[in-house]
Amino acid sequence: HCQQCAQACQECLDACRAYQSQG
């Protein structure tokens, strides 16, 4: 999902990574 989000918006990547970090 992070990759798809990154294509949509780079800022989303940061949020996506934080989301995965929490699990």
Foldseek 3Di string as FASTA:
>chain_A
DLVVVCVVPVVVNVVVVVVVVVD
